[in-house]
Amino acid sequence: MATTVTSKGQVTIPKPVRDHLGIVPGNQVEFRRAADGSIVIEKADGTRQPSRFAKLVGIAGPGLSTDEIMAMTRGE
C-alpha cells in the first residue's frame, strides 16, 4: 500500500491501516525501528485525552420528541 509524501514531509495513513490500528483523529502515532531495520508505526499509548465536550456526548438521554416540544410551546 503506497502513499505520497508531501513537500512538508506529511503522509496520509491509509484507512485500512488506521482501522487496523484503531487510529482516530486526535490520536498520536509512534514510529520505531524494528530489529530487522524496518520502520514500524504504532498507535501511541499517550494519546490525547478527549475534550471536555466529547466526554458529554450522549449522556443527556433521548430528550423530548418533536410532538412533546410542540405541545409545550403551545401551552398544552
N, C-alpha and C. Protein backbone atom coordinates (compact mmCIF):
# COMPACT_ATOMS: atom_id res chain seq x y z
N MET A 1 0.86 -1.16 0.00
CA MET A 1 0.00 0.00 0.00
C MET A 1 0.91 1.23 0.00
N ALA A 2 0.88 2.00 -1.04
CA ALA A 2 1.76 3.16 -1.18
C ALA A 2 1.00 4.44 -0.90
N THR A 3 1.72 5.44 -0.44
CA THR A 3 1.17 6.78 -0.23
C THR A 3 2.24 7.79 -0.59
N THR A 4 1.85 9.03 -0.83
CA THR A 4 2.77 10.04 -1.29
C THR A 4 3.17 10.97 -0.14
N VAL A 5 4.44 11.34 -0.10
CA VAL A 5 4.94 12.28 0.90
C VAL A 5 4.79 13.68 0.34
N THR A 6 4.19 14.60 1.14
CA THR A 6 4.03 15.98 0.70
C THR A 6 5.35 16.73 0.86
N SER A 7 5.39 17.97 0.36
CA SER A 7 6.60 18.79 0.49
C SER A 7 6.92 19.10 1.95
N LYS A 8 5.93 18.98 2.83
CA LYS A 8 6.14 19.21 4.26
C LYS A 8 6.52 17.93 5.00
N GLY A 9 6.68 16.82 4.27
CA GLY A 9 7.05 15.56 4.89
C GLY A 9 5.88 14.81 5.50
N GLN A 10 4.66 15.17 5.11
CA GLN A 10 3.47 14.54 5.67
C GLN A 10 2.97 13.44 4.74
N VAL A 11 2.35 12.44 5.35
CA VAL A 11 1.72 11.36 4.58
C VAL A 11 0.33 11.11 5.15
N THR A 12 -0.54 10.57 4.34
CA THR A 12 -1.86 10.14 4.80
C THR A 12 -1.78 8.66 5.10
N ILE A 13 -2.17 8.29 6.31
CA ILE A 13 -2.19 6.87 6.68
C ILE A 13 -3.43 6.26 6.03
N PRO A 14 -3.26 5.24 5.21
CA PRO A 14 -4.41 4.64 4.54
C PRO A 14 -5.47 4.15 5.53
N LYS A 15 -6.73 4.27 5.14
CA LYS A 15 -7.85 3.91 6.02
C LYS A 15 -7.76 2.49 6.56
N PRO A 16 -7.42 1.48 5.73
CA PRO A 16 -7.33 0.13 6.30
C PRO A 16 -6.29 0.03 7.43
N VAL A 17 -5.21 0.79 7.32
CA VAL A 17 -4.18 0.78 8.37
C VAL A 17 -4.71 1.48 9.61
N ARG A 18 -5.37 2.64 9.44
CA ARG A 18 -5.96 3.35 10.58
C ARG A 18 -6.98 2.47 11.29
N ASP A 19 -7.82 1.81 10.52
CA ASP A 19 -8.84 0.93 11.11
C ASP A 19 -8.19 -0.21 11.88
N HIS A 20 -7.17 -0.82 11.30
CA HIS A 20 -6.49 -1.95 11.94
C HIS A 20 -5.83 -1.54 13.25
N LEU A 21 -5.24 -0.34 13.28
CA LEU A 21 -4.56 0.13 14.49
C LEU A 21 -5.49 0.86 15.45
N GLY A 22 -6.73 1.14 15.02
CA GLY A 22 -7.66 1.86 15.88
C GLY A 22 -7.30 3.33 16.01
N ILE A 23 -6.73 3.90 14.97
CA ILE A 23 -6.32 5.31 14.98
C ILE A 23 -7.48 6.17 14.52
N VAL A 24 -7.82 7.16 15.34
CA VAL A 24 -8.88 8.12 15.01
C VAL A 24 -8.29 9.52 15.11
N PRO A 25 -8.98 10.53 14.56
CA PRO A 25 -8.46 11.90 14.65
C PRO A 25 -8.16 12.27 16.10
N GLY A 26 -7.00 12.88 16.30
CA GLY A 26 -6.57 13.26 17.64
C GLY A 26 -5.61 12.28 18.27
N ASN A 27 -5.54 11.04 17.75
CA ASN A 27 -4.59 10.07 18.27
C ASN A 27 -3.18 10.44 17.84
N GLN A 28 -2.21 9.94 18.60
CA GLN A 28 -0.81 10.08 18.23
C GLN A 28 -0.29 8.73 17.79
N VAL A 29 0.69 8.75 16.90
CA VAL A 29 1.33 7.52 16.45
C VAL A 29 2.82 7.61 16.73
N GLU A 30 3.44 6.46 16.85
CA GLU A 30 4.88 6.39 17.08
C GLU A 30 5.50 5.62 15.92
N PHE A 31 6.70 6.04 15.54
CA PHE A 31 7.50 5.33 14.55
C PHE A 31 8.71 4.78 15.27
N ARG A 32 9.02 3.50 15.06
CA ARG A 32 10.21 2.92 15.68
C ARG A 32 10.88 1.98 14.69
N ARG A 33 12.16 1.80 14.90
CA ARG A 33 12.92 0.91 14.03
C ARG A 33 12.91 -0.49 14.64
N ALA A 34 12.49 -1.46 13.87
CA ALA A 34 12.46 -2.85 14.32
C ALA A 34 13.87 -3.44 14.23
N ALA A 35 14.05 -4.61 14.83
CA ALA A 35 15.36 -5.26 14.85
C ALA A 35 15.89 -5.53 13.45
N ASP A 36 15.00 -5.78 12.49
CA ASP A 36 15.43 -6.08 11.13
C ASP A 36 15.70 -4.82 10.31
N GLY A 37 15.55 -3.62 10.94
CA GLY A 37 15.81 -2.37 10.25
C GLY A 37 14.57 -1.71 9.64
N SER A 38 13.47 -2.43 9.62
CA SER A 38 12.25 -1.83 9.06
C SER A 38 11.67 -0.83 10.06
N ILE A 39 10.81 0.04 9.57
CA ILE A 39 10.16 1.03 10.41
C ILE A 39 8.74 0.57 10.70
N VAL A 40 8.33 0.65 11.95
CA VAL A 40 7.02 0.20 12.40
C VAL A 40 6.24 1.42 12.89
N ILE A 41 4.98 1.50 12.50
CA ILE A 41 4.09 2.55 13.00
C ILE A 41 3.13 1.91 13.99
N GLU A 42 2.97 2.56 15.15
CA GLU A 42 2.08 2.06 16.19
C GLU A 42 1.26 3.20 16.75
N LYS A 43 0.10 2.88 17.25
CA LYS A 43 -0.70 3.86 17.98
C LYS A 43 0.02 4.13 19.29
N ALA A 44 0.25 5.40 19.61
CA ALA A 44 0.95 5.76 20.84
C ALA A 44 0.07 5.54 22.05
N ASP A 45 0.66 5.14 23.15
CA ASP A 45 -0.10 4.91 24.38
C ASP A 45 -0.61 6.22 24.97
N GLY A 46 0.17 7.28 24.82
CA GLY A 46 -0.21 8.56 25.42
C GLY A 46 -1.05 9.40 24.50
N THR A 47 -2.15 8.86 23.99
CA THR A 47 -2.99 9.62 23.07
C THR A 47 -3.67 10.76 23.82
N ARG A 48 -4.02 11.77 23.08
CA ARG A 48 -4.64 12.96 23.66
C ARG A 48 -5.98 12.60 24.28
N GLN A 49 -6.23 13.18 25.44
CA GLN A 49 -7.50 12.95 26.14
C GLN A 49 -8.63 13.61 25.37
N PRO A 50 -9.84 13.02 25.42
CA PRO A 50 -10.96 13.66 24.74
C PRO A 50 -11.26 15.02 25.36
N SER A 51 -11.80 15.92 24.56
CA SER A 51 -12.13 17.24 25.07
C SER A 51 -13.23 17.13 26.12
N ARG A 52 -13.40 18.18 26.90
CA ARG A 52 -14.44 18.16 27.92
C ARG A 52 -15.83 18.04 27.30
N PHE A 53 -15.97 18.49 26.06
CA PHE A 53 -17.26 18.38 25.37
C PHE A 53 -17.48 16.97 24.85
N ALA A 54 -16.42 16.33 24.37
CA ALA A 54 -16.55 14.96 23.86
C ALA A 54 -16.99 14.02 24.98
N LYS A 55 -16.57 14.30 26.20
CA LYS A 55 -16.96 13.45 27.32
C LYS A 55 -18.46 13.53 27.61
N LEU A 56 -19.11 14.61 27.19
CA LEU A 56 -20.53 14.81 27.48
C LEU A 56 -21.46 14.26 26.41
N VAL A 57 -20.92 13.88 25.27
CA VAL A 57 -21.75 13.41 24.16
C VAL A 57 -22.50 12.15 24.57
N GLY A 58 -23.83 12.19 24.42
CA GLY A 58 -24.65 11.01 24.65
C GLY A 58 -25.11 10.77 26.07
N ILE A 59 -24.80 11.68 27.02
CA ILE A 59 -25.19 11.41 28.40
C ILE A 59 -26.54 12.01 28.78
N ALA A 60 -27.10 12.86 27.92
CA ALA A 60 -28.35 13.53 28.26
C ALA A 60 -29.58 12.66 28.04
N GLY A 61 -29.45 11.59 27.34
CA GLY A 61 -30.60 10.74 27.06
C GLY A 61 -31.30 11.17 25.78
N PRO A 62 -32.40 10.50 25.45
CA PRO A 62 -33.04 10.75 24.17
C PRO A 62 -33.74 12.11 24.08
N GLY A 63 -34.14 12.69 25.19
CA GLY A 63 -34.80 14.00 25.15
C GLY A 63 -36.25 13.90 24.75
N LEU A 64 -36.83 15.06 24.50
CA LEU A 64 -38.25 15.14 24.15
C LEU A 64 -38.45 14.89 22.66
N SER A 65 -39.62 14.36 22.34
CA SER A 65 -39.97 14.19 20.93
C SER A 65 -40.42 15.54 20.37
N THR A 66 -40.49 15.63 19.07
CA THR A 66 -40.97 16.86 18.43
C THR A 66 -42.38 17.19 18.87
N ASP A 67 -43.25 16.18 18.97
CA ASP A 67 -44.63 16.41 19.41
C ASP A 67 -44.68 16.96 20.84
N GLU A 68 -43.83 16.45 21.72
CA GLU A 68 -43.80 16.94 23.10
C GLU A 68 -43.31 18.39 23.16
N ILE A 69 -42.32 18.73 22.36
CA ILE A 69 -41.82 20.11 22.32
C ILE A 69 -42.89 21.04 21.78
N MET A 70 -43.58 20.63 20.73
CA MET A 70 -44.64 21.47 20.15
C MET A 70 -45.77 21.67 21.15
N ALA A 71 -46.12 20.63 21.91
CA ALA A 71 -47.17 20.75 22.91
C ALA A 71 -46.76 21.73 24.00
N MET A 72 -45.50 21.69 24.40
CA MET A 72 -45.01 22.62 25.43
C MET A 72 -45.05 24.06 24.92
N THR A 73 -44.65 24.29 23.68
CA THR A 73 -44.63 25.65 23.15
C THR A 73 -46.04 26.21 22.96
N ARG A 74 -46.99 25.32 22.76
CA ARG A 74 -48.39 25.75 22.59
C ARG A 74 -49.11 25.89 23.93
N GLY A 75 -48.44 25.50 25.02
CA GLY A 75 -49.05 25.59 26.34
C GLY A 75 -50.04 24.48 26.62
N GLU A 76 -49.93 23.38 25.96
CA GLU A 76 -50.89 22.26 26.13
C GLU A 76 -50.49 21.40 27.31
